[in-house]
């Protein structure tokens, strides 16, 4: 279904294609429970991780996913490459592809960089996060985690709260959730809500506090200070008070069985109070675990089909 295709955005995928990846990820997660957590599916294939931005979870899980499928995995380091000598992004990617790469996993600070590389490379390009555009595999693992816990996604009410404007995760989550039939609400400071975001099929609410008792899942986002050119809120203390999530707010909101998610890294004490690390329905580490299975499914889909 996806063999040989690029995976640049969940906006590009149909509902059926998203479900195909999620179903495949279920099989891949079973592999991760075995004593020998490896299958020969991609033996003889080569995957290169082209990460031009720092990453812990995404880069490590893509590397692990490739190795679990028996692929050869190469991790590219910009700091020790010819980029420091003035080589262009296109030339760097084309030279690496010429060495016999079967798929390129790309993270870049510029929105559209992955789409650009997909037009100049013959090998499939998988977007591991580009600027404030999309982060499709994070969106897929979030969908997988919700479906695993709730049994399905259609009809669920999901709130996404925080720095929506700068969040590529928020955009991927919205595209995926809406396509699978969830009702999505976004909340955050007005300066962090993109204009006309309602056109994506979501509704805007002033604060996540007001809807805690009405939603099934809340996905908290960090403030991306590195992407802000000027302050968008008065202070961290005020942001935490009005837009952060705490156990006190959950109790006051009478939320029952509320699933808590976060793409990481978490700024404890800002978007989440420290005690939320021990919240019974905290799925943050579940997301990390599921990230390996989902990225195994994506590599399998685009390389082997």
Protein backbone atom coordinates (compact mmCIF):
# COMPACT_ATOMS: atom_id res chain seq x y z
CA UNK A 1 0.00 0.00 0.00
CA UNK A 2 2.83 2.41 0.84
CA UNK A 3 5.82 0.63 -0.69
CA UNK A 4 8.26 3.04 -2.31
CA UNK A 5 6.28 6.10 -1.18
CA UNK A 6 7.45 8.99 0.94
CA UNK A 7 5.86 9.62 4.33
CA UNK A 8 5.94 13.39 4.68
CA UNK A 9 2.66 14.20 6.43
CA UNK A 10 -0.44 12.54 7.85
CA UNK A 11 -2.35 15.08 5.79
CA UNK A 12 -1.24 13.03 2.75
CA UNK A 13 -2.54 9.69 4.04
CA UNK A 14 -6.05 8.29 3.80
CA UNK A 15 -7.88 6.80 6.74
CA UNK A 16 -7.26 3.33 5.30
CA UNK A 17 -3.51 3.94 5.01
CA UNK A 18 -3.31 5.18 8.59
CA UNK A 19 -5.18 2.11 9.84
CA UNK A 20 -2.89 -0.13 7.78
CA UNK A 21 0.16 1.28 9.59
CA UNK A 22 -1.53 0.98 13.00
CA UNK A 23 -2.52 -2.63 12.32
CA UNK A 24 1.01 -3.43 11.16
CA UNK A 25 2.39 -1.81 14.32
CA UNK A 26 0.37 -4.25 16.42
CA UNK A 27 2.26 -7.13 14.80
CA UNK A 28 5.55 -5.31 15.27
CA UNK A 29 4.85 -4.72 18.96
CA UNK A 30 4.40 -8.48 19.39
CA UNK A 31 7.94 -8.91 18.05
CA UNK A 32 9.20 -6.60 20.81
CA UNK A 33 7.80 -8.93 23.49
CA UNK A 34 9.82 -11.93 22.32
CA UNK A 35 13.06 -13.15 23.88
CA UNK A 36 14.80 -12.47 20.58
CA UNK A 37 13.42 -9.09 19.51
CA UNK A 38 14.43 -9.30 15.88
CA UNK A 39 13.01 -10.42 12.53
CA UNK A 40 14.78 -10.66 9.14
CA UNK A 41 12.21 -8.55 7.27
CA UNK A 42 14.63 -5.85 6.06
CA UNK A 43 17.82 -7.88 5.95
CA UNK A 44 20.11 -6.43 3.30
CA UNK A 45 18.36 -3.04 3.32
CA UNK A 46 19.99 0.20 4.48
CA UNK A 47 18.29 3.05 6.37
CA UNK A 48 20.03 6.37 7.00
CA UNK A 49 18.97 8.74 9.78
CA UNK A 50 19.57 12.29 8.55
CA UNK A 51 18.97 14.34 11.70
CA UNK A 52 19.79 18.03 11.40
CA UNK A 53 18.16 18.79 14.77
CA UNK A 54 18.75 17.28 18.23
CA UNK A 55 16.60 14.28 19.13
CA UNK A 56 16.48 11.55 21.77
CA UNK A 57 13.28 9.54 21.36
CA UNK A 58 12.74 9.82 17.59
CA UNK A 59 16.30 9.14 16.48
CA UNK A 60 16.88 6.31 18.94
CA UNK A 61 13.55 4.63 18.16
CA UNK A 62 14.13 4.82 14.40
CA UNK A 63 17.58 3.30 14.88
CA UNK A 64 16.15 0.57 17.09
CA UNK A 65 13.24 -0.02 14.68
CA UNK A 66 15.60 -0.52 11.76
CA UNK A 67 17.82 -2.89 13.70
CA UNK A 68 14.83 -4.90 15.00
CA UNK A 69 13.94 -5.46 11.32
CA UNK A 70 17.56 -6.49 10.58
CA UNK A 71 18.28 -3.44 8.40
CA UNK A 72 21.68 -1.74 8.38
CA UNK A 73 21.24 1.65 10.05
CA UNK A 74 23.52 4.65 9.48
CA UNK A 75 23.32 7.69 11.76
CA UNK A 76 24.37 10.92 10.02
CA UNK A 77 25.99 13.66 12.11
CA UNK A 78 25.88 17.20 10.61
CA UNK A 79 28.65 18.46 12.90
CA UNK A 80 31.18 16.04 11.38
CA UNK A 81 29.92 16.21 7.78
CA UNK A 82 30.78 18.34 4.76
CA UNK A 83 27.88 20.63 5.67
CA UNK A 84 30.38 22.54 7.81
CA UNK A 85 32.40 23.11 4.61
CA UNK A 86 29.43 24.59 2.78
CA UNK A 87 27.90 21.53 1.13
CA UNK A 88 24.18 21.94 0.41
CA UNK A 89 21.42 19.84 1.92
CA UNK A 90 20.58 18.48 -1.51
CA UNK A 91 24.17 17.46 -2.28
CA UNK A 92 24.60 15.87 1.14
CA UNK A 93 21.46 13.78 0.70
CA UNK A 94 22.25 12.85 -2.93
CA UNK A 95 25.76 11.70 -2.00
CA UNK A 96 24.47 9.50 0.81
CA UNK A 97 21.78 8.06 -1.46
CA UNK A 98 24.46 7.22 -4.05
CA UNK A 99 25.99 4.84 -1.53
CA UNK A 100 22.96 2.55 -1.79
CA UNK A 101 20.39 3.74 0.74
CA UNK A 102 16.89 2.21 0.70
CA UNK A 103 15.19 4.88 2.85
CA UNK A 104 16.12 8.21 4.43
CA UNK A 105 14.67 9.32 7.76
CA UNK A 106 14.96 13.11 7.92
CA UNK A 107 14.58 15.67 10.70
CA UNK A 108 15.18 19.33 9.90
CA UNK A 109 14.47 22.72 11.47
CA UNK A 110 13.01 24.07 8.21
CA UNK A 111 9.37 23.38 7.42
CA UNK A 112 9.21 21.77 4.01
CA UNK A 113 12.75 20.37 4.05
CA UNK A 114 11.48 16.76 3.94
CA UNK A 115 9.09 17.53 1.07
CA UNK A 116 11.98 19.15 -0.80
CA UNK A 117 14.25 16.12 -0.32
CA UNK A 118 11.47 13.77 -1.41
CA UNK A 119 11.54 15.50 -4.80
CA UNK A 120 15.31 15.15 -5.28
CA UNK A 121 15.84 11.63 -3.87
CA UNK A 122 14.72 8.35 -5.44
CA UNK A 123 14.72 6.51 -2.10
CA UNK A 124 11.64 6.97 0.12
CA UNK A 125 11.89 9.90 2.56
CA UNK A 126 10.32 9.56 6.00
CA UNK A 127 9.67 12.80 7.84
CA UNK A 128 10.95 12.65 11.42
CA UNK A 129 9.86 16.23 12.08
CA UNK A 130 10.33 19.34 9.93
CA UNK A 131 10.08 22.79 11.47
CA UNK A 132 6.52 23.54 12.54
CA UNK A 133 5.02 21.54 9.65
CA UNK A 134 4.44 17.90 10.73
CA UNK A 135 5.85 14.96 12.67
CA UNK A 136 3.86 12.09 11.14
CA UNK A 137 5.39 9.14 13.01
CA UNK A 138 4.75 10.89 16.35
CA UNK A 139 1.16 11.37 15.23
CA UNK A 140 0.91 7.69 14.32
CA UNK A 141 2.31 6.51 17.64
CA UNK A 142 -0.09 8.80 19.48
CA UNK A 143 -2.99 7.29 17.53
CA UNK A 144 -1.66 3.80 18.24
CA UNK A 145 -1.37 4.53 21.98
CA UNK A 146 -4.89 5.93 22.22
CA UNK A 147 -6.37 3.03 20.23
CA UNK A 148 -4.48 0.52 22.38
CA UNK A 149 -5.94 1.96 25.60
CA UNK A 150 -9.43 2.90 24.41
CA UNK A 151 -10.03 0.14 21.85
CA UNK A 152 -10.73 2.67 19.10
CA UNK A 153 -10.61 6.34 18.21
CA UNK A 154 -13.90 7.16 16.52
CA UNK A 155 -16.13 9.20 18.80
CA UNK A 156 -13.45 10.05 21.35
CA UNK A 157 -13.01 13.62 22.58
CA UNK A 158 -9.36 14.67 22.56
CA UNK A 159 -7.85 17.91 23.85
CA UNK A 160 -4.46 19.17 22.67
CA UNK A 161 -3.09 21.91 24.91
CA UNK A 162 -0.08 24.19 24.91
CA UNK A 163 2.06 25.75 22.19
CA UNK A 164 -0.12 24.74 19.24
CA UNK A 165 1.35 27.31 16.86
CA UNK A 166 4.90 25.95 16.92
CA UNK A 167 3.98 22.27 17.32
CA UNK A 168 4.46 19.92 14.37
CA UNK A 169 3.13 17.15 16.63
CA UNK A 170 -0.16 19.02 17.10
CA UNK A 171 -0.66 19.27 13.34
CA UNK A 172 0.01 15.56 12.77
CA UNK A 173 -2.18 14.57 15.71
CA UNK A 174 -5.03 16.74 14.43
CA UNK A 175 -4.88 15.31 10.90
CA UNK A 176 -4.80 11.74 12.20
CA UNK A 177 -7.43 12.10 14.90
CA UNK A 178 -9.91 13.92 12.67
CA UNK A 179 -9.51 11.33 9.89
CA UNK A 180 -10.20 8.53 12.37
CA UNK A 181 -13.35 10.19 13.69
CA UNK A 182 -12.29 11.86 16.94
CA UNK A 183 -13.56 15.23 18.10
CA UNK A 184 -10.53 17.46 18.69
CA UNK A 185 -10.24 20.59 20.82
CA UNK A 186 -7.17 22.81 21.14
CA UNK A 187 -6.31 25.10 24.03
CA UNK A 188 -3.53 27.50 24.91
CA UNK A 189 -2.64 31.17 25.12
CA UNK A 190 -4.26 33.09 22.23
CA UNK A 191 -0.76 33.99 21.00
CA UNK A 192 -0.01 30.27 20.57
CA UNK A 193 -3.13 29.33 18.62
CA UNK A 194 -2.68 29.46 14.82
CA UNK A 195 -5.20 31.68 13.02
CA UNK A 196 -8.00 29.81 11.25
CA UNK A 197 -7.03 26.51 12.88
CA UNK A 198 -10.74 25.66 12.89
CA UNK A 199 -10.33 24.89 9.17
CA UNK A 200 -8.51 21.71 10.23
CA UNK A 201 -11.69 20.42 11.82
CA UNK A 202 -11.00 21.37 15.45
CA UNK A 203 -12.60 23.76 17.90
CA UNK A 204 -10.71 26.22 20.09
CA UNK A 205 -11.37 26.41 23.83
CA UNK A 206 -9.92 29.04 26.22
CA UNK A 207 -8.36 26.56 28.64
CA UNK A 208 -8.02 22.82 29.04
CA UNK A 209 -9.21 23.24 32.65
CA UNK A 210 -12.72 24.00 31.43
CA UNK A 211 -13.12 20.71 29.53
CA UNK A 212 -11.20 18.18 31.65
CA UNK A 213 -14.41 16.47 32.72
CA UNK A 214 -15.62 16.24 29.11
CA UNK A 215 -12.61 14.72 27.28
CA UNK A 216 -11.19 11.21 27.07
CA UNK A 217 -7.59 12.18 26.27
CA UNK A 218 -5.44 15.25 26.84
CA UNK A 219 -2.19 15.71 24.93
CA UNK A 220 0.00 18.34 26.57
CA UNK A 221 2.67 20.14 24.55
CA UNK A 222 5.84 21.88 25.65
CA UNK A 223 6.57 25.54 25.01
CA UNK A 224 9.04 25.62 22.13
CA UNK A 225 11.18 28.54 23.20
CA UNK A 226 13.74 27.78 20.47
CA UNK A 227 11.15 28.63 17.78
CA UNK A 228 9.86 31.85 19.36
CA UNK A 229 11.28 35.16 18.20
CA UNK A 230 9.61 37.12 21.02
CA UNK A 231 7.85 36.27 24.32
CA UNK A 232 4.28 35.02 23.81
CA UNK A 233 3.21 34.98 27.48
CA UNK A 234 4.09 37.01 30.60
CA UNK A 235 6.03 34.39 32.60
CA UNK A 236 6.56 30.66 33.09
CA UNK A 237 4.84 30.88 36.47
CA UNK A 238 1.73 32.44 34.94
CA UNK A 239 1.73 29.96 32.05
CA UNK A 240 1.92 27.03 34.48
CA UNK A 241 -0.89 28.43 36.58
CA UNK A 242 -3.34 29.03 33.74
CA UNK A 243 -2.32 26.54 31.07
CA UNK A 244 -0.42 23.79 32.89
CA UNK A 245 -1.97 20.57 34.17
CA UNK A 246 -1.87 19.34 37.76
CA UNK A 247 -3.54 16.66 39.87
CA UNK A 248 -5.52 19.41 41.61
CA UNK A 249 -7.01 20.53 38.31
CA UNK A 250 -7.92 16.98 37.32
CA UNK A 251 -9.72 16.46 40.63
CA UNK A 252 -11.47 19.81 40.42
CA UNK A 253 -12.51 19.00 36.85
CA UNK A 254 -13.89 15.62 38.01
CA UNK A 255 -12.05 13.89 35.16
CA UNK A 256 -12.45 10.11 35.22
CA UNK A 257 -10.22 7.74 33.25
CA UNK A 258 -8.57 10.69 31.53
CA UNK A 259 -5.55 9.59 29.49
CA UNK A 260 -2.54 11.89 29.74
CA UNK A 261 -0.05 12.08 26.87
CA UNK A 262 2.95 14.22 25.95
CA UNK A 263 5.34 13.90 22.98
CA UNK A 264 8.34 14.90 25.10
CA UNK A 265 10.61 16.29 26.25
CA UNK A 266 8.50 17.35 29.25
CA UNK A 267 9.17 20.63 31.04
CA UNK A 268 8.14 19.47 34.50
CA UNK A 269 6.69 22.33 36.52
CA UNK A 270 5.58 24.18 33.39
CA UNK A 271 3.05 22.29 31.26
CA UNK A 272 2.87 19.42 33.78
CA UNK A 273 3.29 19.59 37.54
CA UNK A 274 5.86 17.10 38.92
CA UNK A 275 3.24 14.87 40.57
CA UNK A 276 1.69 14.18 37.16
CA UNK A 277 4.63 11.82 36.57
CA UNK A 278 2.85 9.44 38.96
CA UNK A 279 -0.66 9.91 37.57
CA UNK A 280 -2.22 6.47 37.04
CA UNK A 281 -3.21 7.18 33.42
CA UNK A 282 0.08 8.79 32.44
CA UNK A 283 0.94 7.23 29.04
CA UNK A 284 4.13 9.16 28.26
CA UNK A 285 6.42 6.13 28.53
CA UNK A 286 3.82 4.00 26.71
CA UNK A 287 4.20 6.45 23.82
CA UNK A 288 7.96 5.94 23.83
CA UNK A 289 7.56 2.13 23.80
CA UNK A 290 4.98 2.29 21.03
CA UNK A 291 7.23 4.58 19.02
CA UNK A 292 9.54 1.68 18.21
CA UNK A 293 6.69 -0.56 17.01
CA UNK A 294 5.12 2.20 14.91
CA UNK A 295 8.42 3.14 13.30
CA UNK A 296 9.07 -0.54 12.55
CA UNK A 297 5.70 -0.57 10.80
CA UNK A 298 6.55 2.57 8.82
CA UNK A 299 9.95 1.26 7.70
CA UNK A 300 8.35 -2.04 6.71
CA UNK A 301 5.56 -0.28 4.82
CA UNK A 302 7.74 2.05 2.73
CA UNK A 303 10.62 -0.35 2.07
CA UNK A 304 9.09 -3.82 1.89
CA UNK A 305 5.36 -3.25 1.73
